[in-house]
């Protein structure tokens, strides 16, 4: 019976992991959550899922990010597009071109940025170009997908939650422990034993 239960549990766990595996075959920016105002290094994971290699990737930078700086990427040319001039210029897009991710393989693209100082959700919209000219637009609301096996859903964008990690949790109010019936019976038993002992000593 125990062996059968263990096998059933392992089957369920395997089904869960196999069910969500396709969701990782997307262009995703990690991490999924960051504390407010933090300087964070992000990693954009790019799988090459078509029969042709990936030759370019464009990432739109969400509003609110500051000090956006991509890491050097060997074999790739990096183009940073900004809105405005001087110190007030905002990075709006990072383009990686000139490299290649073979079919069936993946690569990581890194950049650093300071996230907003208030809680929000960053939406990472990316555009992946293959050598045959095909462009996959990872810019659709992930809520449109009904699940990892929903092939009809458009390519979703990934998100990063900016959370307020500076607020201390509310301390728990300590309340007196309730005395159970068992505890009361134990106290009474000890008391009766003490009384019986006193009477026994007096008789001697």
Protein backbone atom coordinates (compact mmCIF):
# COMPACT_ATOMS: atom_id res chain seq x y z
CA UNK A 1 0.00 0.00 0.00
CA UNK A 2 2.83 2.37 0.95
CA UNK A 3 4.72 1.53 -2.27
CA UNK A 4 1.61 2.22 -4.36
CA UNK A 5 1.13 5.61 -2.67
CA UNK A 6 4.75 6.59 -3.31
CA UNK A 7 4.47 5.64 -6.99
CA UNK A 8 1.26 7.67 -7.32
CA UNK A 9 2.90 10.69 -5.70
CA UNK A 10 5.93 10.48 -8.01
CA UNK A 11 3.61 10.21 -11.02
CA UNK A 12 1.78 13.38 -10.00
CA UNK A 13 5.03 15.28 -9.45
CA UNK A 14 6.37 14.17 -12.83
CA UNK A 15 3.15 15.21 -14.54
CA UNK A 16 3.34 18.66 -12.97
CA UNK A 17 6.94 19.23 -14.07
CA UNK A 18 6.35 17.86 -17.55
CA UNK A 19 3.29 20.05 -17.86
CA UNK A 20 5.12 23.30 -17.12
CA UNK A 21 8.31 22.51 -19.03
CA UNK A 22 7.21 24.16 -22.33
CA UNK A 23 6.66 27.46 -20.47
CA UNK A 24 10.41 27.78 -20.00
CA UNK A 25 11.01 27.65 -23.78
CA UNK A 26 10.27 31.37 -24.05
CA UNK A 27 12.30 34.55 -24.06
CA UNK A 28 12.30 35.32 -20.34
CA UNK A 29 13.97 38.01 -18.25
CA UNK A 30 15.09 36.95 -14.77
CA UNK A 31 14.67 37.46 -11.84
CA UNK A 32 10.90 37.40 -11.42
CA UNK A 33 10.97 39.77 -8.43
CA UNK A 34 13.25 42.56 -7.16
CA UNK A 35 13.13 44.90 -4.17
CA UNK A 36 12.30 48.58 -4.73
CA UNK A 37 15.10 50.90 -5.95
CA UNK A 38 17.60 48.02 -6.16
CA UNK A 39 20.49 47.88 -8.62
CA UNK A 40 19.91 44.54 -10.28
CA UNK A 41 21.63 42.44 -12.92
CA UNK A 42 19.01 40.96 -15.23
CA UNK A 43 19.42 37.91 -17.44
CA UNK A 44 17.43 37.52 -20.65
CA UNK A 45 17.26 33.86 -21.63
CA UNK A 46 16.78 33.31 -25.38
CA UNK A 47 16.06 29.83 -26.78
CA UNK A 48 16.33 29.21 -30.53
CA UNK A 49 13.24 27.12 -31.22
CA UNK A 50 12.94 27.38 -35.02
CA UNK A 51 14.84 25.34 -37.60
CA UNK A 52 17.06 28.37 -38.28
CA UNK A 53 19.45 30.11 -35.88
CA UNK A 54 18.55 33.28 -34.00
CA UNK A 55 20.57 36.22 -35.35
CA UNK A 56 19.08 39.21 -33.51
CA UNK A 57 17.16 40.04 -30.35
CA UNK A 58 15.51 43.33 -29.40
CA UNK A 59 14.39 44.11 -25.84
CA UNK A 60 12.15 47.07 -25.02
CA UNK A 61 13.08 48.62 -21.66
CA UNK A 62 10.06 49.25 -19.38
CA UNK A 63 9.42 52.74 -18.01
CA UNK A 64 10.98 53.54 -14.66
CA UNK A 65 14.33 51.80 -15.11
CA UNK A 66 17.49 53.87 -14.63
CA UNK A 67 21.19 53.34 -15.27
CA UNK A 68 20.49 50.66 -17.87
CA UNK A 69 23.81 49.13 -18.92
CA UNK A 70 24.16 45.94 -21.00
CA UNK A 71 27.07 43.57 -20.40
CA UNK A 72 29.61 42.96 -23.15
CA UNK A 73 28.51 39.99 -25.25
CA UNK A 74 31.22 38.26 -27.26
CA UNK A 75 30.27 37.81 -30.91
CA UNK A 76 27.37 40.26 -30.71
CA UNK A 77 27.02 43.97 -31.52
CA UNK A 78 25.03 45.91 -28.92
CA UNK A 79 23.02 49.00 -29.86
CA UNK A 80 21.45 51.10 -27.09
CA UNK A 81 18.57 53.35 -28.08
CA UNK A 82 17.60 56.33 -25.91
CA UNK A 83 14.78 58.83 -25.68
CA UNK A 84 16.08 62.35 -25.04
CA UNK A 85 19.58 63.76 -24.73
CA UNK A 86 22.16 64.34 -22.02
CA UNK A 87 21.71 63.17 -18.46
CA UNK A 88 17.93 63.07 -18.86
CA UNK A 89 18.08 60.52 -21.69
CA UNK A 90 16.24 57.27 -20.98
CA UNK A 91 17.23 53.91 -22.43
CA UNK A 92 14.21 52.57 -24.30
CA UNK A 93 15.65 49.62 -26.19
CA UNK A 94 18.65 47.28 -26.38
CA UNK A 95 19.45 45.48 -29.64
CA UNK A 96 21.83 42.53 -29.95
CA UNK A 97 22.82 41.71 -33.55
CA UNK A 98 25.58 40.00 -35.51
CA UNK A 99 25.72 36.84 -33.40
CA UNK A 100 24.04 33.46 -33.73
CA UNK A 101 22.18 31.02 -31.51
CA UNK A 102 21.98 27.64 -33.30
CA UNK A 103 18.66 25.88 -33.61
CA UNK A 104 17.81 23.87 -30.51
CA UNK A 105 20.20 25.85 -28.30
CA UNK A 106 19.90 28.91 -26.06
CA UNK A 107 21.96 31.83 -24.79
CA UNK A 108 21.85 34.48 -22.06
CA UNK A 109 22.06 38.26 -22.47
CA UNK A 110 22.88 40.29 -19.36
CA UNK A 111 22.29 43.91 -18.39
CA UNK A 112 22.14 45.97 -15.20
CA UNK A 113 19.59 48.57 -14.15
CA UNK A 114 18.14 50.34 -11.15
CA UNK A 115 14.48 49.43 -10.72
CA UNK A 116 11.69 51.86 -9.72
CA UNK A 117 11.40 53.02 -6.11
CA UNK A 118 7.72 52.06 -5.90
CA UNK A 119 6.06 48.65 -6.36
CA UNK A 120 5.10 47.91 -9.95
CA UNK A 121 5.27 45.23 -12.63
CA UNK A 122 7.92 45.39 -15.35
CA UNK A 123 6.77 43.97 -18.67
CA UNK A 124 9.63 42.70 -20.82
CA UNK A 125 8.64 42.84 -24.49
CA UNK A 126 11.18 41.20 -26.80
CA UNK A 127 11.49 40.55 -30.54
CA UNK A 128 13.49 37.58 -31.77
CA UNK A 129 14.75 37.46 -35.37
CA UNK A 130 15.80 34.24 -37.14
CA UNK A 131 18.19 33.94 -40.10
CA UNK A 132 15.31 33.42 -42.56
CA UNK A 133 13.78 36.75 -41.54
CA UNK A 134 11.12 35.32 -39.25
CA UNK A 135 10.40 37.56 -36.26
CA UNK A 136 8.77 36.18 -33.12
CA UNK A 137 7.15 38.95 -31.07
CA UNK A 138 7.22 38.16 -27.36
CA UNK A 139 4.92 41.06 -26.52
CA UNK A 140 1.53 39.59 -25.67
CA UNK A 141 -0.22 39.45 -22.30
CA UNK A 142 0.61 36.07 -20.70
CA UNK A 143 -2.95 35.94 -19.31
CA UNK A 144 -4.13 35.20 -22.86
CA UNK A 145 -2.53 31.77 -22.60
CA UNK A 146 -4.72 29.06 -21.10
CA UNK A 147 -1.76 26.91 -20.13
CA UNK A 148 1.65 25.60 -21.20
CA UNK A 149 0.08 23.34 -23.85
CA UNK A 150 -1.97 26.13 -25.43
CA UNK A 151 -0.13 26.44 -28.76
CA UNK A 152 -2.77 28.82 -30.10
CA UNK A 153 -1.83 31.55 -27.61
CA UNK A 154 0.43 34.36 -28.92
CA UNK A 155 4.02 34.54 -27.58
CA UNK A 156 3.84 36.09 -24.08
CA UNK A 157 6.14 38.62 -22.47
CA UNK A 158 7.75 37.86 -19.12
CA UNK A 159 7.40 40.06 -16.04
CA UNK A 160 9.35 41.14 -12.99
CA UNK A 161 7.51 42.23 -9.85
CA UNK A 162 9.02 45.19 -8.00
CA UNK A 163 8.14 44.59 -4.35
CA UNK A 164 8.45 46.77 -1.27
CA UNK A 165 10.93 44.78 0.79
CA UNK A 166 11.69 47.73 3.11
CA UNK A 167 8.54 47.39 5.21
CA UNK A 168 9.00 45.36 8.39
CA UNK A 169 6.36 42.68 8.94
CA UNK A 170 3.75 43.45 11.58
CA UNK A 171 4.84 41.80 14.84
CA UNK A 172 2.54 39.14 16.13
CA UNK A 173 0.63 39.97 19.30
CA UNK A 174 1.50 37.48 22.01
CA UNK A 175 -1.57 36.12 23.79
CA UNK A 176 -1.62 34.04 26.99
CA UNK A 177 -1.70 30.36 26.25
CA UNK A 178 -5.01 28.70 26.92
CA UNK A 179 -5.06 26.02 29.61
CA UNK A 180 -6.44 22.77 28.27
CA UNK A 181 -8.59 20.31 30.19
CA UNK A 182 -5.67 17.90 30.31
CA UNK A 183 -3.51 20.54 31.97
CA UNK A 184 -6.21 21.24 34.56
CA UNK A 185 -6.54 17.55 35.34
CA UNK A 186 -2.78 17.29 35.76
CA UNK A 187 -2.75 20.21 38.19
CA UNK A 188 -5.62 18.73 40.20
CA UNK A 189 -3.89 15.32 40.30
CA UNK A 190 -0.67 16.88 41.59
CA UNK A 191 -2.62 18.77 44.25
CA UNK A 192 -4.45 15.67 45.42
CA UNK A 193 -1.20 13.74 45.55
CA UNK A 194 0.34 16.44 47.74
CA UNK A 195 -2.63 16.37 50.13
CA UNK A 196 -2.49 12.57 50.33
CA UNK A 197 1.22 12.74 51.11
CA UNK A 198 0.64 15.24 53.94
CA UNK A 199 -2.02 12.99 55.54
CA UNK A 200 0.22 9.95 55.26
CA UNK A 201 3.07 11.73 57.01
CA UNK A 202 0.80 12.89 59.83
CA UNK A 203 -0.43 9.33 60.44
CA UNK A 204 3.15 8.17 60.87
